[in-house]
C-alpha atoms as a PDB file:
ATOM      1  CA  MET A   1      26.469  -7.305  29.611  1.00  0.00           C
ATOM      2  CA  LYS A   2      30.033  -6.112  29.013  1.00  0.00           C
ATOM      3  CA  ALA A   3      31.847  -9.262  30.103  1.00  0.00           C
ATOM      4  CA  GLY A   4      31.200 -12.917  29.481  1.00  0.00           C
ATOM      5  CA  LEU A   5      31.106 -15.380  26.651  1.00  0.00           C
ATOM      6  CA  LYS A   6      29.004 -13.916  23.883  1.00  0.00           C
ATOM      7  CA  PRO A   7      29.353 -14.083  20.128  1.00  0.00           C
ATOM      8  CA  ARG A   8      31.433 -11.369  18.535  1.00  0.00           C
ATOM      9  CA  VAL A   9      29.241 -10.177  15.694  1.00  0.00           C
ATOM     10  CA  LEU A  10      31.092  -7.060  14.612  1.00  0.00           C
ATOM     11  CA  PRO A  11      34.141  -8.680  12.914  1.00  0.00           C
ATOM     12  CA  SER A  12      32.028 -11.127  10.922  1.00  0.00           C
ATOM     13  CA  LEU A  13      29.610  -8.321  10.054  1.00  0.00           C
ATOM     14  CA  LEU A  14      32.440  -6.197   8.659  1.00  0.00           C
ATOM     15  CA  ILE A  15      33.718  -9.166   6.632  1.00  0.00           C
ATOM     16  CA  ALA A  16      30.230  -9.777   5.219  1.00  0.00           C
ATOM     17  CA  LEU A  17      29.894  -6.126   4.188  1.00  0.00           C
ATOM     18  CA  ALA A  18      33.424  -5.948   2.711  1.00  0.00           C
ATOM     19  CA  ASP A  19      32.362  -7.383  -0.667  1.00  0.00           C
ATOM     20  CA  GLY A  20      30.658  -4.081  -1.544  1.00  0.00           C
ATOM     21  CA  ARG A  21      27.145  -5.417  -2.087  1.00  0.00           C
ATOM     22  CA  PRO A  22      24.351  -3.615  -0.234  1.00  0.00           C
ATOM     23  CA  ARG A  23      22.686  -5.992   2.219  1.00  0.00           C
ATOM     24  CA  CYS A  24      19.725  -5.735   4.565  1.00  0.00           C
ATOM     25  CA  ASP A  25      19.669  -6.968   8.155  1.00  0.00           C
ATOM     26  CA  ARG A  26      17.871 -10.194   7.199  1.00  0.00           C
ATOM     27  CA  GLU A  27      20.613 -11.218   4.779  1.00  0.00           C
ATOM     28  CA  LEU A  28      23.346 -10.310   7.264  1.00  0.00           C
ATOM     29  CA  MET A  29      21.556 -12.231  10.005  1.00  0.00           C
ATOM     30  CA  ASP A  30      21.910 -15.453   7.990  1.00  0.00           C
ATOM     31  CA  ILE A  31      25.529 -14.748   7.068  1.00  0.00           C
ATOM     32  CA  VAL A  32      26.656 -13.790  10.578  1.00  0.00           C
ATOM     33  CA  PHE A  33      24.596 -16.480  12.387  1.00  0.00           C
ATOM     34  CA  SER A  34      23.132 -14.083  14.922  1.00  0.00           C
ATOM     35  CA  ASN A  35      19.689 -12.777  15.718  1.00  0.00           C
ATOM     36  CA  ARG A  36      18.251  -9.825  13.850  1.00  0.00           C
ATOM     37  CA  ARG A  37      18.170  -7.364  16.739  1.00  0.00           C
ATOM     38  CA  VAL A  38      21.902  -7.728  17.428  1.00  0.00           C
ATOM     39  CA  VAL A  39      22.683  -7.214  13.737  1.00  0.00           C
ATOM     40  CA  GLN A  40      20.432  -4.131  13.644  1.00  0.00           C
ATOM     41  CA  ARG A  41      22.155  -2.618  16.681  1.00  0.00           C
ATOM     42  CA  ARG A  42      25.631  -3.187  15.255  1.00  0.00           C
ATOM     43  CA  LEU A  43      24.578  -1.696  11.909  1.00  0.00           C
ATOM     44  CA  GLN A  44      23.145   1.349  13.656  1.00  0.00           C
ATOM     45  CA  ASP A  45      26.391   1.784  15.595  1.00  0.00           C
ATOM     46  CA  LEU A  46      28.421   1.507  12.381  1.00  0.00           C
ATOM     47  CA  HIS A  47      26.066   3.974  10.687  1.00  0.00           C
ATOM     48  CA  VAL A  48      26.497   6.526  13.473  1.00  0.00           C
ATOM     49  CA  GLN A  49      30.289   6.137  13.232  1.00  0.00           C
ATOM     50  CA  GLY A  50      30.122   6.698   9.470  1.00  0.00           C
ATOM     51  CA  LEU A  51      31.564   3.320   8.475  1.00  0.00           C
ATOM     52  CA  VAL A  52      28.438   2.214   6.563  1.00  0.00           C
ATOM     53  CA  HIS A  53      25.708   4.076   4.723  1.00  0.00           C
ATOM     54  CA  ILE A  54      22.214   3.240   3.512  1.00  0.00           C
ATOM     55  CA  ALA A  55      22.581   2.379  -0.168  1.00  0.00           C
ATOM     56  CA  GLY A  56      18.930   1.579  -0.841  1.00  0.00           C
ATOM     57  CA  TRP A  57      15.639   0.340   0.535  1.00  0.00           C
ATOM     58  CA  VAL A  58      13.767  -2.946  -0.021  1.00  0.00           C
ATOM     59  CA  PRO A  59      10.171  -3.805   0.940  1.00  0.00           C
ATOM     60  CA  ALA A  60       9.960  -5.378   4.377  1.00  0.00           C
ATOM     61  CA  GLY A  61       7.258  -7.844   3.407  1.00  0.00           C
ATOM     62  CA  ASP A  62       4.415  -5.672   4.675  1.00  0.00           C
ATOM     63  CA  SER A  63       2.506  -3.412   2.392  1.00  0.00           C
ATOM     64  CA  TYR A  64       3.896  -0.182   3.840  1.00  0.00           C
ATOM     65  CA  ARG A  65       7.287  -0.659   5.543  1.00  0.00           C
ATOM     66  CA  TRP A  66      10.782  -0.481   4.078  1.00  0.00           C
ATOM     67  CA  ARG A  67      14.033  -2.129   5.213  1.00  0.00           C
ATOM     68  CA  PRO A  68      17.389  -0.330   4.709  1.00  0.00           C
ATOM     69  CA  GLN A  69      20.225  -1.933   2.759  1.00  0.00           C
ATOM     70  CA  TYR A  70      23.625  -1.069   4.202  1.00  0.00           C
ATOM     71  CA  GLN A  71      26.848  -0.785   2.240  1.00  0.00           C
ATOM     72  CA  MET A  72      30.394  -0.429   3.532  1.00  0.00           C
ATOM     73  CA  GLY A  73      32.048   2.974   3.254  1.00  0.00           C
ATOM     74  CA  ALA A  74      31.121   6.574   3.797  1.00  0.00           C
ATOM     75  CA  GLY A  75      28.468   7.965   1.523  1.00  0.00           C
ATOM     76  CA  THR A  76      25.158   9.726   1.422  1.00  0.00           C
ATOM     77  CA  ASP A  77      22.130   7.810   2.623  1.00  0.00           C
ATOM     78  CA  ALA A  78      19.446   6.972   0.086  1.00  0.00           C
ATOM     79  CA  PRO A  79      16.156   8.719   0.886  1.00  0.00           C
ATOM     80  CA  LYS A  80      13.487   6.543   2.428  1.00  0.00           C
ATOM     81  CA  PRO A  81      10.551   5.902   0.075  1.00  0.00           C
ATOM     82  CA  VAL A  82       7.032   6.834   1.056  1.00  0.00           C
ATOM     83  CA  PRO A  83       4.804   4.052   2.413  1.00  0.00           C
ATOM     84  CA  THR A  84       3.110   2.114  -0.365  1.00  0.00           C
ATOM     85  CA  GLY A  85       0.003   0.999   1.484  1.00  0.00           C
ATOM     86  CA  ARG A  86      -2.155   1.659   4.489  1.00  0.00           C
ATOM     87  CA  THR A  87      -1.228   0.809   8.049  1.00  0.00           C
ATOM     88  CA  SER A  88      -3.643  -1.038  10.312  1.00  0.00           C
ATOM     89  CA  THR A  89      -4.490   2.171  12.177  1.00  0.00           C
ATOM     90  CA  GLN A  90      -5.318   3.886   8.896  1.00  0.00           C
ATOM     91  CA  ARG A  91      -7.622   1.004   7.919  1.00  0.00           C
ATOM     92  CA  VAL A  92      -9.449   1.175  11.265  1.00  0.00           C
ATOM     93  CA  GLN A  93      -9.771   4.935  10.995  1.00  0.00           C
ATOM     94  CA  GLU A  94     -11.267   4.691   7.489  1.00  0.00           C
ATOM     95  CA  TYR A  95     -13.663   1.964   8.674  1.00  0.00           C
ATOM     96  CA  ARG A  96     -14.868   4.123  11.566  1.00  0.00           C
ATOM     97  CA  GLU A  97     -15.340   7.125   9.290  1.00  0.00           C
ATOM     98  CA  LYS A  98     -17.639   5.055   7.052  1.00  0.00           C
ATOM     99  CA  LEU A  99     -19.926   4.073   9.963  1.00  0.00           C
ATOM    100  CA  THR A 100     -23.272   5.827  10.086  1.00  0.00           C
ATOM    101  CA  VAL A 101     -24.944   7.113  13.252  1.00  0.00           C
ATOM    102  CA  GLU A 102     -27.174   4.017  13.361  1.00  0.00           C
ATOM    103  CA  ASP A 103     -24.168   1.692  13.060  1.00  0.00           C
ATOM    104  CA  LYS A 104     -22.403   3.457  15.927  1.00  0.00           C
ATOM    105  CA  ALA A 105     -25.542   3.276  18.097  1.00  0.00           C
ATOM    106  CA  PHE A 106     -25.862  -0.453  17.338  1.00  0.00           C
ATOM    107  CA  LYS A 107     -22.232  -1.123  18.266  1.00  0.00           C
ATOM    108  CA  ASP A 108     -22.610   0.879  21.488  1.00  0.00           C
ATOM    109  CA  ALA A 109     -25.762  -1.050  22.410  1.00  0.00           C
ATOM    110  CA  ARG A 110     -24.002  -4.351  21.780  1.00  0.00           C
ATOM    111  CA  ARG A 111     -21.077  -3.242  23.942  1.00  0.00           C
ATOM    112  CA  ARG A 112     -23.441  -2.239  26.764  1.00  0.00           C
ATOM    113  CA  GLN A 113     -25.272  -5.561  26.494  1.00  0.00           C
ATOM    114  CA  GLN A 114     -22.046  -7.514  26.871  1.00  0.00           C
ATOM    115  CA  ARG A 115     -21.279  -5.745  30.155  1.00  0.00           C
ATOM    116  CA  ARG A 116     -24.739  -6.516  31.572  1.00  0.00           C
ATOM    117  CA  VAL A 117     -24.885  -9.368  34.100  1.00  0.00           C
ATOM    118  CA  VAL A 118     -28.037 -11.505  33.930  1.00  0.00           C
ATOM    119  CA  LYS A 119     -29.403 -12.319  37.392  1.00  0.00           C
ATOM    120  CA  ARG A 120     -30.753 -15.773  38.126  1.00  0.00           C
ATOM    121  CA  ASP A 121     -34.455 -16.095  38.947  1.00  0.00           C
ATOM    122  CA  PRO A 122     -34.768 -17.157  42.631  1.00  0.00           C
ATOM    123  CA  LEU A 123     -37.764 -19.463  41.933  1.00  0.00           C
ATOM    124  CA  VAL A 124     -35.864 -21.377  39.250  1.00  0.00           C
ATOM    125  CA  ALA A 125     -32.864 -21.596  41.558  1.00  0.00           C
ATOM    126  CA  ALA A 126     -35.105 -23.019  44.331  1.00  0.00           C
ATOM    127  CA  PHE A 127     -36.500 -25.718  42.018  1.00  0.00           C
ATOM    128  CA  PHE A 128     -33.319 -26.706  40.157  1.00  0.00           C
ATOM    129  CA  GLY A 129     -30.554 -25.565  42.498  1.00  0.00           C
ATOM    130  CA  SER A 130     -28.002 -22.864  42.051  1.00  0.00           C
ATOM    131  CA  VAL A 131     -25.197 -23.179  39.533  1.00  0.00           C
ATOM    132  CA  LYS A 132     -21.724 -22.152  40.640  1.00  0.00           C
END
């Protein structure tokens, strides 16, 4: 998608970052009037080139993820904080570790029962007809 009419995000992104305030991709998305993925890609490109650096981290709304705040200029990146909560896979893993042998056997039996196909009694089918 090299040619064609598409919005030029990079100049407006550089203007938005020129004020010196660290901003995350969500803030820049509203300022630049573009979608978040395009803003993220341009910020990553600028970061690789050394034009912006990660000035800090803000919570991403979830209990465990962090969103980088970019600032114009070369500098050292702020270290990423450790996750503050549990991920969904960690919660499932802890739930499965708490299950007893009887609970696991019950869940397996229920799973087997759901796969079982109940056959129709031929005498009942002869009296009332077959259902399709």
